[in-house]
Structure formats: structure tokens, C-alpha cells
Amino acid sequence: MIRDGQHRAVVLAYLYGLDYEIEILRFYFKDKKHYIKNNFDNTKIFTKWFLKKVYIKMKRIISND
């Protein structure tokens, strides 16, 4: 079940087919706040995503100098 990101799911299905698998983060909502269930898989996925963003930003900064 996809509660948010249907547009992204449609694009991935179009590009890679319906059997394509992706890593996900599960968010849980309570009282207008959201949090990520703290387990190893979510932590690993989030860390990988964050480091990739930092790397791309640093690469851009260095290449502009």
C-alpha cells in the first residue's frame, strides 16, 4: 500500500516494470508528528541517503572552485 509517493511509484513502474524493488523508509504518524521506526534497516537506508546527498553537494562545491 502506498500512502504517499504514488507519482514516484508510477514513474518507477513505467521505467523499470511492475516487479522492480526499491528500498523504503517507513514513517509512522501520531498527533500531527511523524517519526521513523528506529530499526537497523531504516537507519542504514537513511544514513546511505544522507551521505549520498552530502557527497553530491560537496562534489558540486569543489568543482565550482
PDB file of N, CA and C in Angstrom:
ATOM      1  N   MET A   1       0.847  -1.171   0.000  1.00  0.00           N
ATOM      2  CA  MET A   1       0.000   0.000   0.000  1.00  0.00           C
ATOM      3  C   MET A   1       0.893   1.235   0.000  1.00  0.00           C
ATOM      4  N   ILE A   2       0.599   2.139  -0.867  1.00  0.00           N
ATOM      5  CA  ILE A   2       1.349   3.389  -0.962  1.00  0.00           C
ATOM      6  C   ILE A   2       0.436   4.507  -0.477  1.00  0.00           C
ATOM      7  N   ARG A   3       0.840   5.169   0.596  1.00  0.00           N
ATOM      8  CA  ARG A   3       0.047   6.276   1.129  1.00  0.00           C
ATOM      9  C   ARG A   3       0.519   7.617   0.602  1.00  0.00           C
ATOM     10  N   ASP A   4       1.766   7.688   0.238  1.00  0.00           N
ATOM     11  CA  ASP A   4       2.308   8.924  -0.299  1.00  0.00           C
ATOM     12  C   ASP A   4       3.376   8.537  -1.307  1.00  0.00           C
ATOM     13  N   GLY A   5       3.488   9.281  -2.376  1.00  0.00           N
ATOM     14  CA  GLY A   5       4.503   8.986  -3.383  1.00  0.00           C
ATOM     15  C   GLY A   5       3.985   8.142  -4.534  1.00  0.00           C
ATOM     16  N   GLN A   6       2.674   8.170  -4.760  1.00  0.00           N
ATOM     17  CA  GLN A   6       2.107   7.395  -5.854  1.00  0.00           C
ATOM     18  C   GLN A   6       2.707   7.794  -7.189  1.00  0.00           C
ATOM     19  N   HIS A   7       2.957   9.093  -7.370  1.00  0.00           N
ATOM     20  CA  HIS A   7       3.534   9.563  -8.628  1.00  0.00           C
ATOM     21  C   HIS A   7       4.918   8.953  -8.846  1.00  0.00           C
ATOM     22  N   ARG A   8       5.707   8.830  -7.795  1.00  0.00           N
ATOM     23  CA  ARG A   8       7.031   8.221  -7.907  1.00  0.00           C
ATOM     24  C   ARG A   8       6.905   6.730  -8.232  1.00  0.00           C
ATOM     25  N   ALA A   9       5.944   6.065  -7.623  1.00  0.00           N
ATOM     26  CA  ALA A   9       5.725   4.642  -7.884  1.00  0.00           C
ATOM     27  C   ALA A   9       5.326   4.403  -9.336  1.00  0.00           C
ATOM     28  N   VAL A  10       4.503   5.291  -9.875  1.00  0.00           N
ATOM     29  CA  VAL A  10       4.075   5.150 -11.275  1.00  0.00           C
ATOM     30  C   VAL A  10       5.259   5.327 -12.218  1.00  0.00           C
ATOM     31  N   VAL A  11       6.114   6.311 -11.939  1.00  0.00           N
ATOM     32  CA  VAL A  11       7.283   6.544 -12.790  1.00  0.00           C
ATOM     33  C   VAL A  11       8.234   5.354 -12.730  1.00  0.00           C
ATOM     34  N   LEU A  12       8.479   4.823 -11.538  1.00  0.00           N
ATOM     35  CA  LEU A  12       9.353   3.649 -11.403  1.00  0.00           C
ATOM     36  C   LEU A  12       8.765   2.444 -12.124  1.00  0.00           C
ATOM     37  N   ALA A  13       7.449   2.249 -12.017  1.00  0.00           N
ATOM     38  CA  ALA A  13       6.794   1.140 -12.713  1.00  0.00           C
ATOM     39  C   ALA A  13       6.923   1.309 -14.224  1.00  0.00           C
ATOM     40  N   TYR A  14       6.771   2.531 -14.704  1.00  0.00           N
ATOM     41  CA  TYR A  14       6.888   2.795 -16.135  1.00  0.00           C
ATOM     42  C   TYR A  14       8.321   2.546 -16.620  1.00  0.00           C
ATOM     43  N   LEU A  15       9.302   3.012 -15.865  1.00  0.00           N
ATOM     44  CA  LEU A  15      10.696   2.891 -16.281  1.00  0.00           C
ATOM     45  C   LEU A  15      11.250   1.475 -16.132  1.00  0.00           C
ATOM     46  N   TYR A  16      10.897   0.800 -15.032  1.00  0.00           N
ATOM     47  CA  TYR A  16      11.548  -0.466 -14.700  1.00  0.00           C
ATOM     48  C   TYR A  16      10.623  -1.664 -14.661  1.00  0.00           C
ATOM     49  N   GLY A  17       9.326  -1.466 -14.792  1.00  0.00           N
ATOM     50  CA  GLY A  17       8.382  -2.575 -14.734  1.00  0.00           C
ATOM     51  C   GLY A  17       7.763  -2.712 -13.345  1.00  0.00           C
ATOM     52  N   LEU A  18       6.711  -3.510 -13.273  1.00  0.00           N
ATOM     53  CA  LEU A  18       5.956  -3.638 -12.031  1.00  0.00           C
ATOM     54  C   LEU A  18       6.673  -4.453 -10.966  1.00  0.00           C
ATOM     55  N   ASP A  19       7.672  -5.241 -11.337  1.00  0.00           N
ATOM     56  CA  ASP A  19       8.369  -6.094 -10.372  1.00  0.00           C
ATOM     57  C   ASP A  19       9.632  -5.457  -9.809  1.00  0.00           C
ATOM     58  N   TYR A  20       9.876  -4.194 -10.092  1.00  0.00           N
ATOM     59  CA  TYR A  20      11.062  -3.501  -9.622  1.00  0.00           C
ATOM     60  C   TYR A  20      10.978  -3.273  -8.120  1.00  0.00           C
ATOM     61  N   GLU A  21      12.048  -3.548  -7.400  1.00  0.00           N
ATOM     62  CA  GLU A  21      12.064  -3.374  -5.945  1.00  0.00           C
ATOM     63  C   GLU A  21      12.953  -2.196  -5.571  1.00  0.00           C
ATOM     64  N   ILE A  22      12.513  -1.435  -4.573  1.00  0.00           N
ATOM     65  CA  ILE A  22      13.266  -0.289  -4.076  1.00  0.00           C
ATOM     66  C   ILE A  22      13.351  -0.375  -2.555  1.00  0.00           C
ATOM     67  N   GLU A  23      14.339   0.316  -1.985  1.00  0.00           N
ATOM     68  CA  GLU A  23      14.426   0.417  -0.538  1.00  0.00           C
ATOM     69  C   GLU A  23      13.471   1.507  -0.078  1.00  0.00           C
ATOM     70  N   ILE A  24      12.858   1.298   1.055  1.00  0.00           N
ATOM     71  CA  ILE A  24      11.900   2.273   1.561  1.00  0.00           C
ATOM     72  C   ILE A  24      12.212   2.631   3.004  1.00  0.00           C
ATOM     73  N   LEU A  25      11.685   3.753   3.430  1.00  0.00           N
ATOM     74  CA  LEU A  25      11.679   4.134   4.837  1.00  0.00           C
ATOM     75  C   LEU A  25      10.223   4.129   5.289  1.00  0.00           C
ATOM     76  N   ARG A  26       9.967   3.537   6.423  1.00  0.00           N
ATOM     77  CA  ARG A  26       8.609   3.535   6.966  1.00  0.00           C
ATOM     78  C   ARG A  26       8.483   4.669   7.966  1.00  0.00           C
ATOM     79  N   PHE A  27       7.516   5.532   7.729  1.00  0.00           N
ATOM     80  CA  PHE A  27       7.222   6.624   8.643  1.00  0.00           C
ATOM     81  C   PHE A  27       5.941   6.287   9.386  1.00  0.00           C
ATOM     82  N   TYR A  28       5.900   6.621  10.633  1.00  0.00           N
ATOM     83  CA  TYR A  28       4.716   6.410  11.455  1.00  0.00           C
ATOM     84  C   TYR A  28       4.221   7.768  11.916  1.00  0.00           C
ATOM     85  N   PHE A  29       2.918   7.970  11.866  1.00  0.00           N
ATOM     86  CA  PHE A  29       2.327   9.258  12.184  1.00  0.00           C
ATOM     87  C   PHE A  29       1.523   9.166  13.471  1.00  0.00           C
ATOM     88  N   LYS A  30       1.671  10.200  14.324  1.00  0.00           N
ATOM     89  CA  LYS A  30       0.922  10.259  15.571  1.00  0.00           C
ATOM     90  C   LYS A  30       0.827  11.717  16.000  1.00  0.00           C
ATOM     91  N   ASP A  31      -0.374  12.198  16.214  1.00  0.00           N
ATOM     92  CA  ASP A  31      -0.611  13.560  16.704  1.00  0.00           C
ATOM     93  C   ASP A  31       0.114  14.617  15.875  1.00  0.00           C
ATOM     94  N   LYS A  32      -0.096  14.617  14.579  1.00  0.00           N
ATOM     95  CA  LYS A  32       0.478  15.587  13.641  1.00  0.00           C
ATOM     96  C   LYS A  32       2.006  15.566  13.612  1.00  0.00           C
ATOM     97  N   LYS A  33       2.610  14.511  14.107  1.00  0.00           N
ATOM     98  CA  LYS A  33       4.057  14.352  14.050  1.00  0.00           C
ATOM     99  C   LYS A  33       4.361  13.030  13.363  1.00  0.00           C
ATOM    100  N   HIS A  34       5.514  12.949  12.766  1.00  0.00           N
ATOM    101  CA  HIS A  34       5.914  11.681  12.166  1.00  0.00           C
ATOM    102  C   HIS A  34       7.290  11.299  12.694  1.00  0.00           C
ATOM    103  N   TYR A  35       7.539  10.039  12.690  1.00  0.00           N
ATOM    104  CA  TYR A  35       8.843   9.541  13.102  1.00  0.00           C
ATOM    105  C   TYR A  35       9.166   8.281  12.328  1.00  0.00           C
ATOM    106  N   ILE A  36      10.430   7.982  12.255  1.00  0.00           N
ATOM    107  CA  ILE A  36      10.895   6.774  11.580  1.00  0.00           C
ATOM    108  C   ILE A  36      11.086   5.707  12.638  1.00  0.00           C
ATOM    109  N   LYS A  37      10.478   4.553  12.421  1.00  0.00           N
ATOM    110  CA  LYS A  37      10.660   3.469  13.377  1.00  0.00           C
ATOM    111  C   LYS A  37      12.137   3.143  13.432  1.00  0.00           C
ATOM    112  N   ASN A  38      12.678   3.161  14.609  1.00  0.00           N
ATOM    113  CA  ASN A  38      14.119   3.016  14.771  1.00  0.00           C
ATOM    114  C   ASN A  38      14.522   1.544  14.731  1.00  0.00           C
ATOM    115  N   ASN A  39      14.852   1.083  13.559  1.00  0.00           N
ATOM    116  CA  ASN A  39      15.431  -0.250  13.439  1.00  0.00           C
ATOM    117  C   ASN A  39      16.628  -0.172  12.502  1.00  0.00           C
ATOM    118  N   PHE A  40      17.381  -1.215  12.434  1.00  0.00           N
ATOM    119  CA  PHE A  40      18.643  -1.176  11.699  1.00  0.00           C
ATOM    120  C   PHE A  40      18.448  -0.874  10.219  1.00  0.00           C
ATOM    121  N   ASP A  41      17.445  -1.478   9.577  1.00  0.00           N
ATOM    122  CA  ASP A  41      17.252  -1.266   8.143  1.00  0.00           C
ATOM    123  C   ASP A  41      16.963   0.200   7.832  1.00  0.00           C
ATOM    124  N   ASN A  42      16.066   0.821   8.596  1.00  0.00           N
ATOM    125  CA  ASN A  42      15.756   2.230   8.356  1.00  0.00           C
ATOM    126  C   ASN A  42      16.971   3.109   8.604  1.00  0.00           C
ATOM    127  N   THR A  43      17.726   2.814   9.647  1.00  0.00           N
ATOM    128  CA  THR A  43      18.920   3.592   9.952  1.00  0.00           C
ATOM    129  C   THR A  43      19.941   3.473   8.834  1.00  0.00           C
ATOM    130  N   LYS A  44      20.136   2.290   8.339  1.00  0.00           N
ATOM    131  CA  LYS A  44      21.088   2.049   7.251  1.00  0.00           C
ATOM    132  C   LYS A  44      20.653   2.783   5.979  1.00  0.00           C
ATOM    133  N   ILE A  45      19.391   2.701   5.634  1.00  0.00           N
ATOM    134  CA  ILE A  45      18.875   3.357   4.432  1.00  0.00           C
ATOM    135  C   ILE A  45      19.001   4.871   4.557  1.00  0.00           C
ATOM    136  N   PHE A  46      18.610   5.414   5.718  1.00  0.00           N
ATOM    137  CA  PHE A  46      18.671   6.857   5.918  1.00  0.00           C
ATOM    138  C   PHE A  46      20.106   7.359   5.885  1.00  0.00           C
ATOM    139  N   THR A  47      21.026   6.638   6.522  1.00  0.00           N
ATOM    140  CA  THR A  47      22.440   7.038   6.537  1.00  0.00           C
ATOM    141  C   THR A  47      23.011   7.037   5.129  1.00  0.00           C
ATOM    142  N   LYS A  48      22.703   6.011   4.368  1.00  0.00           N
ATOM    143  CA  LYS A  48      23.177   5.920   2.981  1.00  0.00           C
ATOM    144  C   LYS A  48      22.629   7.087   2.165  1.00  0.00           C
ATOM    145  N   TRP A  49      21.348   7.407   2.311  1.00  0.00           N
ATOM    146  CA  TRP A  49      20.723   8.513   1.587  1.00  0.00           C
ATOM    147  C   TRP A  49      21.380   9.840   1.975  1.00  0.00           C
ATOM    148  N   PHE A  50      21.572  10.062   3.273  1.00  0.00           N
ATOM    149  CA  PHE A  50      22.151  11.309   3.763  1.00  0.00           C
ATOM    150  C   PHE A  50      23.583  11.490   3.269  1.00  0.00           C
ATOM    151  N   LEU A  51      24.400  10.442   3.367  1.00  0.00           N
ATOM    152  CA  LEU A  51      25.793  10.537   2.916  1.00  0.00           C
ATOM    153  C   LEU A  51      25.875  10.792   1.418  1.00  0.00           C
ATOM    154  N   LYS A  52      24.973  10.216   0.658  1.00  0.00           N
ATOM    155  CA  LYS A  52      24.945  10.455  -0.788  1.00  0.00           C
ATOM    156  C   LYS A  52      24.647  11.924  -1.073  1.00  0.00           C
ATOM    157  N   LYS A  53      23.681  12.505  -0.344  1.00  0.00           N
ATOM    158  CA  LYS A  53      23.346  13.920  -0.523  1.00  0.00           C
ATOM    159  C   LYS A  53      24.540  14.815  -0.174  1.00  0.00           C
ATOM    160  N   VAL A  54      25.217  14.515   0.928  1.00  0.00           N
ATOM    161  CA  VAL A  54      26.386  15.296   1.337  1.00  0.00           C
ATOM    162  C   VAL A  54      27.483  15.185   0.295  1.00  0.00           C
ATOM    163  N   TYR A  55      27.738  13.975  -0.194  1.00  0.00           N
ATOM    164  CA  TYR A  55      28.774  13.753  -1.202  1.00  0.00           C
ATOM    165  C   TYR A  55      28.493  14.560  -2.471  1.00  0.00           C
ATOM    166  N   ILE A  56      27.255  14.521  -2.942  1.00  0.00           N
ATOM    167  CA  ILE A  56      26.894  15.251  -4.168  1.00  0.00           C
ATOM    168  C   ILE A  56      27.069  16.756  -3.963  1.00  0.00           C
ATOM    169  N   LYS A  57      26.637  17.253  -2.802  1.00  0.00           N
ATOM    170  CA  LYS A  57      26.773  18.685  -2.521  1.00  0.00           C
ATOM    171  C   LYS A  57      28.245  19.093  -2.444  1.00  0.00           C
ATOM    172  N   MET A  58      29.063  18.308  -1.762  1.00  0.00           N
ATOM    173  CA  MET A  58      30.495  18.621  -1.645  1.00  0.00           C
ATOM    174  C   MET A  58      31.181  18.546  -3.011  1.00  0.00           C
ATOM    175  N   LYS A  59      30.795  17.579  -3.815  1.00  0.00           N
ATOM    176  CA  LYS A  59      31.363  17.444  -5.157  1.00  0.00           C
ATOM    177  C   LYS A  59      31.053  18.687  -5.990  1.00  0.00           C
ATOM    178  N   ARG A  60      29.821  19.198  -5.866  1.00  0.00           N
ATOM    179  CA  ARG A  60      29.413  20.398  -6.576  1.00  0.00           C
ATOM    180  C   ARG A  60      30.204  21.608  -6.112  1.00  0.00           C
ATOM    181  N   ILE A  61      30.403  21.742  -4.804  1.00  0.00           N
ATOM    182  CA  ILE A  61      31.151  22.871  -4.242  1.00  0.00           C
ATOM    183  C   ILE A  61      32.604  22.840  -4.712  1.00  0.00           C
ATOM    184  N   ILE A  62      33.205  21.679  -4.674  1.00  0.00           N
ATOM    185  CA  ILE A  62      34.610  21.542  -5.075  1.00  0.00           C
ATOM    186  C   ILE A  62      34.793  21.811  -6.557  1.00  0.00           C
ATOM    187  N   SER A  63      33.869  21.344  -7.382  1.00  0.00           N
ATOM    188  CA  SER A  63      34.004  21.534  -8.831  1.00  0.00           C
ATOM    189  C   SER A  63      33.813  22.995  -9.235  1.00  0.00           C
ATOM    190  N   ASN A  64      33.122  23.787  -8.431  1.00  0.00           N
ATOM    191  CA  ASN A  64      32.901  25.205  -8.738  1.00  0.00           C
ATOM    192  C   ASN A  64      34.115  26.057  -8.359  1.00  0.00           C
ATOM    193  N   ASP A  65      35.009  25.542  -7.546  1.00  0.00           N
ATOM    194  CA  ASP A  65      36.196  26.323  -7.135  1.00  0.00           C
ATOM    195  C   ASP A  65      37.266  26.333  -8.180  1.00  0.00           C
TER     196      ASP A  65
END
